[in-house]
Amino acid sequence: MNERDPPHPAELCLQRTLERTEAYVRREPAKAVAAAMGAGLLLKLLPTRAMVRPLTTLAVALLPPTLLGLGLLKAFELCSQHTHLQPVPQPPVEPS
């Protein structure tokens, strides 16, 4: 089994939040259901089309420069790598 890298602080924060939420739901199931219904109602009332269109337009506008920047970064990374060439060992020369 491969060893995993240590989790990032954001992952730890998310994991801690999920654990706390699960504990709260187990302690107070009625309040948790009421909160979920309230959040669902709030999301239902939001003007989603008015929010999605500008975000999509922004994402489409920022995609080409972002991809160009990532490509340049990768090219710079590849160019700056140092290759360490090992000398090829020569077979010993036998005296004549």
PDB file of N, CA and C in Angstrom:
ATOM      1  N   MET A   1       0.840  -1.174   0.000  1.00  0.00           N
ATOM      2  CA  MET A   1       0.000   0.000   0.000  1.00  0.00           C
ATOM      3  C   MET A   1       0.886   1.238   0.000  1.00  0.00           C
ATOM      4  N   ASN A   2       0.582   2.224  -0.836  1.00  0.00           N
ATOM      5  CA  ASN A   2       1.369   3.440  -0.929  1.00  0.00           C
ATOM      6  C   ASN A   2       1.060   4.366   0.239  1.00  0.00           C
ATOM      7  N   GLU A   3       2.105   5.056   0.684  1.00  0.00           N
ATOM      8  CA  GLU A   3       1.888   6.053   1.731  1.00  0.00           C
ATOM      9  C   GLU A   3       1.360   7.324   1.094  1.00  0.00           C
ATOM     10  N   ARG A   4       0.377   7.911   1.740  1.00  0.00           N
ATOM     11  CA  ARG A   4      -0.197   9.164   1.242  1.00  0.00           C
ATOM     12  C   ARG A   4       0.603  10.329   1.761  1.00  0.00           C
ATOM     13  N   ASP A   5       0.577  11.429   1.010  1.00  0.00           N
ATOM     14  CA  ASP A   5       1.166  12.659   1.506  1.00  0.00           C
ATOM     15  C   ASP A   5       0.337  13.144   2.676  1.00  0.00           C
ATOM     16  N   PRO A   6       0.941  13.890   3.587  1.00  0.00           N
ATOM     17  CA  PRO A   6       0.137  14.411   4.696  1.00  0.00           C
ATOM     18  C   PRO A   6      -0.936  15.347   4.163  1.00  0.00           C
ATOM     19  N   PRO A   7      -2.124  15.344   4.773  1.00  0.00           N
ATOM     20  CA  PRO A   7      -3.216  16.176   4.263  1.00  0.00           C
ATOM     21  C   PRO A   7      -2.907  17.661   4.418  1.00  0.00           C
ATOM     22  N   HIS A   8      -3.434  18.445   3.496  1.00  0.00           N
ATOM     23  CA  HIS A   8      -3.274  19.892   3.530  1.00  0.00           C
ATOM     24  C   HIS A   8      -4.165  20.474   4.617  1.00  0.00           C
ATOM     25  N   PRO A   9      -3.846  21.686   5.091  1.00  0.00           N
ATOM     26  CA  PRO A   9      -4.688  22.306   6.115  1.00  0.00           C
ATOM     27  C   PRO A   9      -6.143  22.460   5.688  1.00  0.00           C
ATOM     28  N   ALA A  10      -6.386  22.736   4.407  1.00  0.00           N
ATOM     29  CA  ALA A  10      -7.770  22.869   3.936  1.00  0.00           C
ATOM     30  C   ALA A  10      -8.505  21.540   4.050  1.00  0.00           C
ATOM     31  N   GLU A  11      -7.816  20.442   3.744  1.00  0.00           N
ATOM     32  CA  GLU A  11      -8.438  19.124   3.870  1.00  0.00           C
ATOM     33  C   GLU A  11      -8.744  18.802   5.332  1.00  0.00           C
ATOM     34  N   LEU A  12      -7.814  19.165   6.216  1.00  0.00           N
ATOM     35  CA  LEU A  12      -8.043  18.937   7.642  1.00  0.00           C
ATOM     36  C   LEU A  12      -9.232  19.749   8.141  1.00  0.00           C
ATOM     37  N   CYS A  13      -9.337  20.997   7.694  1.00  0.00           N
ATOM     38  CA  CYS A  13     -10.446  21.861   8.093  1.00  0.00           C
ATOM     39  C   CYS A  13     -11.771  21.293   7.586  1.00  0.00           C
ATOM     40  N   LEU A  14     -11.800  20.852   6.341  1.00  0.00           N
ATOM     41  CA  LEU A  14     -13.019  20.274   5.775  1.00  0.00           C
ATOM     42  C   LEU A  14     -13.408  18.998   6.508  1.00  0.00           C
ATOM     43  N   GLN A  15     -12.422  18.157   6.791  1.00  0.00           N
ATOM     44  CA  GLN A  15     -12.694  16.907   7.494  1.00  0.00           C
ATOM     45  C   GLN A  15     -13.240  17.204   8.893  1.00  0.00           C
ATOM     46  N   ARG A  16     -12.637  18.165   9.582  1.00  0.00           N
ATOM     47  CA  ARG A  16     -13.104  18.534  10.923  1.00  0.00           C
ATOM     48  C   ARG A  16     -14.529  19.076  10.869  1.00  0.00           C
ATOM     49  N   THR A  17     -14.824  19.902   9.857  1.00  0.00           N
ATOM     50  CA  THR A  17     -16.166  20.459   9.714  1.00  0.00           C
ATOM     51  C   THR A  17     -17.185  19.360   9.448  1.00  0.00           C
ATOM     52  N   LEU A  18     -16.843  18.403   8.582  1.00  0.00           N
ATOM     53  CA  LEU A  18     -17.752  17.283   8.309  1.00  0.00           C
ATOM     54  C   LEU A  18     -18.007  16.442   9.559  1.00  0.00           C
ATOM     55  N   GLU A  19     -16.961  16.216  10.342  1.00  0.00           N
ATOM     56  CA  GLU A  19     -17.133  15.445  11.574  1.00  0.00           C
ATOM     57  C   GLU A  19     -18.036  16.181  12.558  1.00  0.00           C
ATOM     58  N   ARG A  20     -17.852  17.494  12.681  1.00  0.00           N
ATOM     59  CA  ARG A  20     -18.688  18.283  13.582  1.00  0.00           C
ATOM     60  C   ARG A  20     -20.142  18.300  13.098  1.00  0.00           C
ATOM     61  N   THR A  21     -20.319  18.406  11.782  1.00  0.00           N
ATOM     62  CA  THR A  21     -21.676  18.417  11.231  1.00  0.00           C
ATOM     63  C   THR A  21     -22.361  17.082  11.485  1.00  0.00           C
ATOM     64  N   GLU A  22     -21.635  15.992  11.268  1.00  0.00           N
ATOM     65  CA  GLU A  22     -22.217  14.674  11.511  1.00  0.00           C
ATOM     66  C   GLU A  22     -22.585  14.500  12.984  1.00  0.00           C
ATOM     67  N   ALA A  23     -21.729  14.973  13.878  1.00  0.00           N
ATOM     68  CA  ALA A  23     -22.027  14.876  15.309  1.00  0.00           C
ATOM     69  C   ALA A  23     -23.271  15.703  15.657  1.00  0.00           C
ATOM     70  N   TYR A  24     -23.394  16.888  15.063  1.00  0.00           N
ATOM     71  CA  TYR A  24     -24.556  17.740  15.326  1.00  0.00           C
ATOM     72  C   TYR A  24     -25.840  17.076  14.824  1.00  0.00           C
ATOM     73  N   VAL A  25     -25.766  16.482  13.637  1.00  0.00           N
ATOM     74  CA  VAL A  25     -26.949  15.823  13.067  1.00  0.00           C
ATOM     75  C   VAL A  25     -27.368  14.649  13.951  1.00  0.00           C
ATOM     76  N   ARG A  26     -26.410  13.923  14.496  1.00  0.00           N
ATOM     77  CA  ARG A  26     -26.747  12.807  15.383  1.00  0.00           C
ATOM     78  C   ARG A  26     -27.351  13.300  16.705  1.00  0.00           C
ATOM     79  N   ARG A  27     -26.858  14.451  17.210  1.00  0.00           N
ATOM     80  CA  ARG A  27     -27.376  14.999  18.470  1.00  0.00           C
ATOM     81  C   ARG A  27     -28.740  15.651  18.296  1.00  0.00           C
ATOM     82  N   GLU A  28     -28.903  16.416  17.214  1.00  0.00           N
ATOM     83  CA  GLU A  28     -30.115  17.221  16.995  1.00  0.00           C
ATOM     84  C   GLU A  28     -30.703  16.943  15.606  1.00  0.00           C
ATOM     85  N   PRO A  29     -31.311  15.778  15.391  1.00  0.00           N
ATOM     86  CA  PRO A  29     -31.798  15.449  14.042  1.00  0.00           C
ATOM     87  C   PRO A  29     -32.918  16.370  13.565  1.00  0.00           C
ATOM     88  N   ALA A  30     -33.804  16.798  14.450  1.00  0.00           N
ATOM     89  CA  ALA A  30     -34.923  17.657  14.026  1.00  0.00           C
ATOM     90  C   ALA A  30     -34.407  19.022  13.582  1.00  0.00           C
ATOM     91  N   LYS A  31     -33.489  19.588  14.334  1.00  0.00           N
ATOM     92  CA  LYS A  31     -32.915  20.884  13.952  1.00  0.00           C
ATOM     93  C   LYS A  31     -32.132  20.774  12.644  1.00  0.00           C
ATOM     94  N   ALA A  32     -31.434  19.643  12.462  1.00  0.00           N
ATOM     95  CA  ALA A  32     -30.657  19.457  11.236  1.00  0.00           C
ATOM     96  C   ALA A  32     -31.580  19.373  10.023  1.00  0.00           C
ATOM     97  N   VAL A  33     -32.691  18.671  10.155  1.00  0.00           N
ATOM     98  CA  VAL A  33     -33.647  18.571   9.042  1.00  0.00           C
ATOM     99  C   VAL A  33     -34.246  19.946   8.752  1.00  0.00           C
ATOM    100  N   ALA A  34     -34.586  20.700   9.803  1.00  0.00           N
ATOM    101  CA  ALA A  34     -35.147  22.041   9.606  1.00  0.00           C
ATOM    102  C   ALA A  34     -34.133  22.953   8.924  1.00  0.00           C
ATOM    103  N   ALA A  35     -32.861  22.863   9.314  1.00  0.00           N
ATOM    104  CA  ALA A  35     -31.819  23.685   8.689  1.00  0.00           C
ATOM    105  C   ALA A  35     -31.630  23.297   7.224  1.00  0.00           C
ATOM    106  N   ALA A  36     -31.671  22.015   6.925  1.00  0.00           N
ATOM    107  CA  ALA A  36     -31.525  21.557   5.543  1.00  0.00           C
ATOM    108  C   ALA A  36     -32.696  22.031   4.684  1.00  0.00           C
ATOM    109  N   MET A  37     -33.906  21.973   5.244  1.00  0.00           N
ATOM    110  CA  MET A  37     -35.074  22.445   4.493  1.00  0.00           C
ATOM    111  C   MET A  37     -34.987  23.958   4.273  1.00  0.00           C
ATOM    112  N   GLY A  38     -34.540  24.696   5.282  1.00  0.00           N
ATOM    113  CA  GLY A  38     -34.380  26.142   5.137  1.00  0.00           C
ATOM    114  C   GLY A  38     -33.339  26.495   4.084  1.00  0.00           C
ATOM    115  N   ALA A  39     -32.226  25.768   4.077  1.00  0.00           N
ATOM    116  CA  ALA A  39     -31.191  26.014   3.072  1.00  0.00           C
ATOM    117  C   ALA A  39     -31.712  25.677   1.678  1.00  0.00           C
ATOM    118  N   GLY A  40     -32.465  24.586   1.561  1.00  0.00           N
ATOM    119  CA  GLY A  40     -33.041  24.221   0.264  1.00  0.00           C
ATOM    120  C   GLY A  40     -34.019  25.268  -0.234  1.00  0.00           C
ATOM    121  N   LEU A  41     -34.860  25.785   0.678  1.00  0.00           N
ATOM    122  CA  LEU A  41     -35.807  26.832   0.297  1.00  0.00           C
ATOM    123  C   LEU A  41     -35.080  28.091  -0.153  1.00  0.00           C
ATOM    124  N   LEU A  42     -34.031  28.458   0.579  1.00  0.00           N
ATOM    125  CA  LEU A  42     -33.250  29.640   0.214  1.00  0.00           C
ATOM    126  C   LEU A  42     -32.620  29.476  -1.168  1.00  0.00           C
ATOM    127  N   LEU A  43     -32.064  28.293  -1.437  1.00  0.00           N
ATOM    128  CA  LEU A  43     -31.466  28.045  -2.749  1.00  0.00           C
ATOM    129  C   LEU A  43     -32.521  28.046  -3.851  1.00  0.00           C
ATOM    130  N   LYS A  44     -33.702  27.570  -3.528  1.00  0.00           N
ATOM    131  CA  LYS A  44     -34.790  27.557  -4.512  1.00  0.00           C
ATOM    132  C   LYS A  44     -35.225  28.974  -4.869  1.00  0.00           C
ATOM    133  N   LEU A  45     -35.203  29.879  -3.885  1.00  0.00           N
ATOM    134  CA  LEU A  45     -35.660  31.247  -4.118  1.00  0.00           C
ATOM    135  C   LEU A  45     -34.610  32.126  -4.805  1.00  0.00           C
ATOM    136  N   LEU A  46     -33.353  31.692  -4.782  1.00  0.00           N
ATOM    137  CA  LEU A  46     -32.306  32.507  -5.401  1.00  0.00           C
ATOM    138  C   LEU A  46     -32.483  32.530  -6.922  1.00  0.00           C
ATOM    139  N   PRO A  47     -32.176  33.658  -7.547  1.00  0.00           N
ATOM    140  CA  PRO A  47     -32.254  33.732  -9.011  1.00  0.00           C
ATOM    141  C   PRO A  47     -31.031  33.063  -9.638  1.00  0.00           C
ATOM    142  N   THR A  48     -31.107  31.750  -9.805  1.00  0.00           N
ATOM    143  CA  THR A  48     -29.942  31.000 -10.263  1.00  0.00           C
ATOM    144  C   THR A  48     -29.512  31.365 -11.685  1.00  0.00           C
ATOM    145  N   ARG A  49     -30.458  31.622 -12.554  1.00  0.00           N
ATOM    146  CA  ARG A  49     -30.071  31.987 -13.923  1.00  0.00           C
ATOM    147  C   ARG A  49     -29.303  33.294 -13.937  1.00  0.00           C
ATOM    148  N   ALA A  50     -29.711  34.220 -13.120  1.00  0.00           N
ATOM    149  CA  ALA A  50     -29.020  35.502 -13.066  1.00  0.00           C
ATOM    150  C   ALA A  50     -27.618  35.349 -12.484  1.00  0.00           C
ATOM    151  N   MET A  51     -27.394  34.304 -11.698  1.00  0.00           N
ATOM    152  CA  MET A  51     -26.074  34.084 -11.113  1.00  0.00           C
ATOM    153  C   MET A  51     -25.185  33.231 -12.009  1.00  0.00           C
ATOM    154  N   VAL A  52     -25.764  32.268 -12.706  1.00  0.00           N
ATOM    155  CA  VAL A  52     -24.972  31.336 -13.498  1.00  0.00           C
ATOM    156  C   VAL A  52     -24.430  31.990 -14.766  1.00  0.00           C
ATOM    157  N   ARG A  53     -25.230  32.801 -15.427  1.00  0.00           N
ATOM    158  CA  ARG A  53     -24.804  33.410 -16.682  1.00  0.00           C
ATOM    159  C   ARG A  53     -23.533  34.260 -16.530  1.00  0.00           C
ATOM    160  N   PRO A  54     -23.454  35.189 -15.549  1.00  0.00           N
ATOM    161  CA  PRO A  54     -22.209  35.965 -15.419  1.00  0.00           C
ATOM    162  C   PRO A  54     -21.013  35.104 -15.027  1.00  0.00           C
ATOM    163  N   LEU A  55     -21.239  34.094 -14.190  1.00  0.00           N
ATOM    164  CA  LEU A  55     -20.127  33.227 -13.808  1.00  0.00           C
ATOM    165  C   LEU A  55     -19.613  32.418 -14.995  1.00  0.00           C
ATOM    166  N   THR A  56     -20.522  31.957 -15.839  1.00  0.00           N
ATOM    167  CA  THR A  56     -20.121  31.214 -17.028  1.00  0.00           C
ATOM    168  C   THR A  56     -19.367  32.123 -17.995  1.00  0.00           C
ATOM    169  N   THR A  57     -19.868  33.335 -18.174  1.00  0.00           N
ATOM    170  CA  THR A  57     -19.195  34.290 -19.058  1.00  0.00           C
ATOM    171  C   THR A  57     -17.796  34.601 -18.549  1.00  0.00           C
ATOM    172  N   LEU A  58     -17.665  34.788 -17.250  1.00  0.00           N
ATOM    173  CA  LEU A  58     -16.354  35.068 -16.663  1.00  0.00           C
ATOM    174  C   LEU A  58     -15.417  33.877 -16.832  1.00  0.00           C
ATOM    175  N   ALA A  59     -15.916  32.668 -16.603  1.00  0.00           N
ATOM    176  CA  ALA A  59     -15.085  31.476 -16.742  1.00  0.00           C
ATOM    177  C   ALA A  59     -14.608  31.300 -18.178  1.00  0.00           C
ATOM    178  N   VAL A  60     -15.502  31.530 -19.134  1.00  0.00           N
ATOM    179  CA  VAL A  60     -15.122  31.390 -20.549  1.00  0.00           C
ATOM    180  C   VAL A  60     -14.110  32.456 -20.939  1.00  0.00           C
ATOM    181  N   ALA A  61     -14.247  33.657 -20.394  1.00  0.00           N
ATOM    182  CA  ALA A  61     -13.312  34.729 -20.715  1.00  0.00           C
ATOM    183  C   ALA A  61     -11.938  34.483 -20.097  1.00  0.00           C
ATOM    184  N   LEU A  62     -11.890  33.868 -18.924  1.00  0.00           N
ATOM    185  CA  LEU A  62     -10.615  33.654 -18.241  1.00  0.00           C
ATOM    186  C   LEU A  62      -9.929  32.344 -18.619  1.00  0.00           C
ATOM    187  N   LEU A  63     -10.603  31.463 -19.311  1.00  0.00           N
ATOM    188  CA  LEU A  63     -10.025  30.169 -19.640  1.00  0.00           C
ATOM    189  C   LEU A  63      -8.787  30.263 -20.540  1.00  0.00           C
ATOM    190  N   PRO A  64      -8.823  30.981 -21.682  1.00  0.00           N
ATOM    191  CA  PRO A  64      -7.620  31.021 -22.528  1.00  0.00           C
ATOM    192  C   PRO A  64      -6.387  31.607 -21.833  1.00  0.00           C
ATOM    193  N   PRO A  65      -6.484  32.761 -21.135  1.00  0.00           N
ATOM    194  CA  PRO A  65      -5.273  33.243 -20.467  1.00  0.00           C
ATOM    195  C   PRO A  65      -4.771  32.300 -19.376  1.00  0.00           C
ATOM    196  N   THR A  66      -5.686  31.631 -18.712  1.00  0.00           N
ATOM    197  CA  THR A  66      -5.281  30.692 -17.671  1.00  0.00           C
ATOM    198  C   THR A  66      -4.527  29.514 -18.279  1.00  0.00           C
ATOM    199  N   LEU A  67      -5.063  28.965 -19.365  1.00  0.00           N
ATOM    200  CA  LEU A  67      -4.384  27.849 -20.022  1.00  0.00           C
ATOM    201  C   LEU A  67      -3.030  28.265 -20.586  1.00  0.00           C
ATOM    202  N   LEU A  68      -2.946  29.478 -21.133  1.00  0.00           N
ATOM    203  CA  LEU A  68      -1.670  29.977 -21.641  1.00  0.00           C
ATOM    204  C   LEU A  68      -0.666  30.100 -20.502  1.00  0.00           C
ATOM    205  N   GLY A  69      -1.094  30.649 -19.392  1.00  0.00           N
ATOM    206  CA  GLY A  69      -0.194  30.791 -18.243  1.00  0.00           C
ATOM    207  C   GLY A  69       0.276  29.445 -17.723  1.00  0.00           C
ATOM    208  N   LEU A  70      -0.627  28.478 -17.633  1.00  0.00           N
ATOM    209  CA  LEU A  70      -0.233  27.145 -17.179  1.00  0.00           C
ATOM    210  C   LEU A  70       0.728  26.484 -18.157  1.00  0.00           C
ATOM    211  N   GLY A  71       0.493  26.689 -19.453  1.00  0.00           N
ATOM    212  CA  GLY A  71       1.399  26.134 -20.457  1.00  0.00           C
ATOM    213  C   GLY A  71       2.782  26.747 -20.371  1.00  0.00           C
ATOM    214  N   LEU A  72       2.843  28.069 -20.188  1.00  0.00           N
ATOM    215  CA  LEU A  72       4.139  28.740 -20.046  1.00  0.00           C
ATOM    216  C   LEU A  72       4.855  28.280 -18.784  1.00  0.00           C
ATOM    217  N   LEU A  73       4.113  28.112 -17.715  1.00  0.00           N
ATOM    218  CA  LEU A  73       4.702  27.644 -16.465  1.00  0.00           C
ATOM    219  C   LEU A  73       5.284  26.249 -16.634  1.00  0.00           C
ATOM    220  N   LYS A  74       4.556  25.369 -17.312  1.00  0.00           N
ATOM    221  CA  LYS A  74       5.047  24.011 -17.545  1.00  0.00           C
ATOM    222  C   LYS A  74       6.269  24.025 -18.463  1.00  0.00           C
ATOM    223  N   ALA A  75       6.261  24.880 -19.492  1.00  0.00           N
ATOM    224  CA  ALA A  75       7.409  24.979 -20.389  1.00  0.00           C
ATOM    225  C   ALA A  75       8.637  25.471 -19.632  1.00  0.00           C
ATOM    226  N   PHE A  76       8.445  26.464 -18.765  1.00  0.00           N
ATOM    227  CA  PHE A  76       9.562  26.964 -17.959  1.00  0.00           C
ATOM    228  C   PHE A  76      10.088  25.879 -17.038  1.00  0.00           C
ATOM    229  N   GLU A  77       9.174  25.106 -16.459  1.00  0.00           N
ATOM    230  CA  GLU A  77       9.574  24.020 -15.569  1.00  0.00           C
ATOM    231  C   GLU A  77      10.389  22.983 -16.323  1.00  0.00           C
ATOM    232  N   LEU A  78       9.959  22.637 -17.527  1.00  0.00           N
ATOM    233  CA  LEU A  78      10.686  21.641 -18.316  1.00  0.00           C
ATOM    234  C   LEU A  78      12.038  22.165 -18.761  1.00  0.00           C
ATOM    235  N   CYS A  79      12.117  23.448 -19.087  1.00  0.00           N
ATOM    236  CA  CYS A  79      13.387  24.022 -19.536  1.00  0.00           C
ATOM    237  C   CYS A  79      14.378  24.176 -18.395  1.00  0.00           C
ATOM    238  N   SER A  80      13.892  24.358 -17.198  1.00  0.00           N
ATOM    239  CA  SER A  80      14.799  24.606 -16.082  1.00  0.00           C
ATOM    240  C   SER A  80      15.234  23.335 -15.367  1.00  0.00           C
ATOM    241  N   GLN A  81      14.738  22.201 -15.798  1.00  0.00           N
ATOM    242  CA  GLN A  81      15.163  20.946 -15.173  1.00  0.00           C
ATOM    243  C   GLN A  81      16.600  20.662 -15.557  1.00  0.00           C
ATOM    244  N   HIS A  82      17.359  20.220 -14.583  1.00  0.00           N
ATOM    245  CA  HIS A  82      18.757  19.875 -14.849  1.00  0.00           C
ATOM    246  C   HIS A  82      18.846  18.364 -14.988  1.00  0.00           C
ATOM    247  N   THR A  83      19.431  17.947 -16.098  1.00  0.00           N
ATOM    248  CA  THR A  83      19.625  16.513 -16.283  1.00  0.00           C
ATOM    249  C   THR A  83      21.057  16.192 -15.902  1.00  0.00           C
ATOM    250  N   HIS A  84      21.213  15.222 -15.078  1.00  0.00           N
ATOM    251  CA  HIS A  84      22.536  14.793 -14.639  1.00  0.00           C
ATOM    252  C   HIS A  84      22.913  13.565 -15.454  1.00  0.00           C
ATOM    253  N   LEU A  85      23.835  13.757 -16.386  1.00  0.00           N
ATOM    254  CA  LEU A  85      24.265  12.652 -17.235  1.00  0.00           C
ATOM    255  C   LEU A  85      25.407  11.924 -16.553  1.00  0.00           C
ATOM    256  N   GLN A  86      25.289  10.647 -16.455  1.00  0.00           N
ATOM    257  CA  GLN A  86      26.335   9.820 -15.878  1.00  0.00           C
ATOM    258  C   GLN A  86      27.297   9.432 -16.998  1.00  0.00           C
ATOM    259  N   PRO A  87      28.585   9.524 -16.741  1.00  0.00           N
ATOM    260  CA  PRO A  87      29.521   9.093 -17.787  1.00  0.00           C
ATOM    261  C   PRO A  87      29.404   7.584 -17.998  1.00  0.00           C
ATOM    262  N   VAL A  88      29.518   7.204 -19.249  1.00  0.00           N
ATOM    263  CA  VAL A  88      29.422   5.783 -19.600  1.00  0.00           C
ATOM    264  C   VAL A  88      30.757   5.131 -19.254  1.00  0.00           C
ATOM    265  N   PRO A  89      30.725   4.100 -18.433  1.00  0.00           N
ATOM    266  CA  PRO A  89      32.004   3.455 -18.076  1.00  0.00           C
ATOM    267  C   PRO A  89      32.617   2.758 -19.284  1.00  0.00           C
ATOM    268  N   GLN A  90      33.914   2.955 -19.451  1.00  0.00           N
ATOM    269  CA  GLN A  90      34.630   2.342 -20.564  1.00  0.00           C
ATOM    270  C   GLN A  90      35.175   0.985 -20.097  1.00  0.00           C
ATOM    271  N   PRO A  91      35.127  -0.001 -20.979  1.00  0.00           N
ATOM    272  CA  PRO A  91      35.668  -1.295 -20.599  1.00  0.00           C
ATOM    273  C   PRO A  91      37.187  -1.158 -20.391  1.00  0.00           C
ATOM    274  N   PRO A  92      37.688  -1.892 -19.439  1.00  0.00           N
ATOM    275  CA  PRO A  92      39.155  -1.801 -19.200  1.00  0.00           C
ATOM    276  C   PRO A  92      39.947  -2.272 -20.418  1.00  0.00           C
ATOM    277  N   VAL A  93      41.011  -1.556 -20.663  1.00  0.00           N
ATOM    278  CA  VAL A  93      41.875  -1.891 -21.810  1.00  0.00           C
ATOM    279  C   VAL A  93      42.939  -2.864 -21.313  1.00  0.00           C
ATOM    280  N   GLU A  94      43.040  -4.000 -22.008  1.00  0.00           N
ATOM    281  CA  GLU A  94      44.026  -4.995 -21.622  1.00  0.00           C
ATOM    282  C   GLU A  94      45.368  -4.622 -22.241  1.00  0.00           C
ATOM    283  N   PRO A  95      46.396  -4.717 -21.428  1.00  0.00           N
ATOM    284  CA  PRO A  95      47.724  -4.392 -21.988  1.00  0.00           C
ATOM    285  C   PRO A  95      48.131  -5.429 -23.046  1.00  0.00           C
ATOM    286  N   SER A  96      48.791  -4.959 -24.090  1.00  0.00           N
ATOM    287  CA  SER A  96      49.177  -5.855 -25.158  1.00  0.00           C
ATOM    288  C   SER A  96      50.534  -6.442 -24.908  1.00  0.00           C
TER     289      SER A  96
END
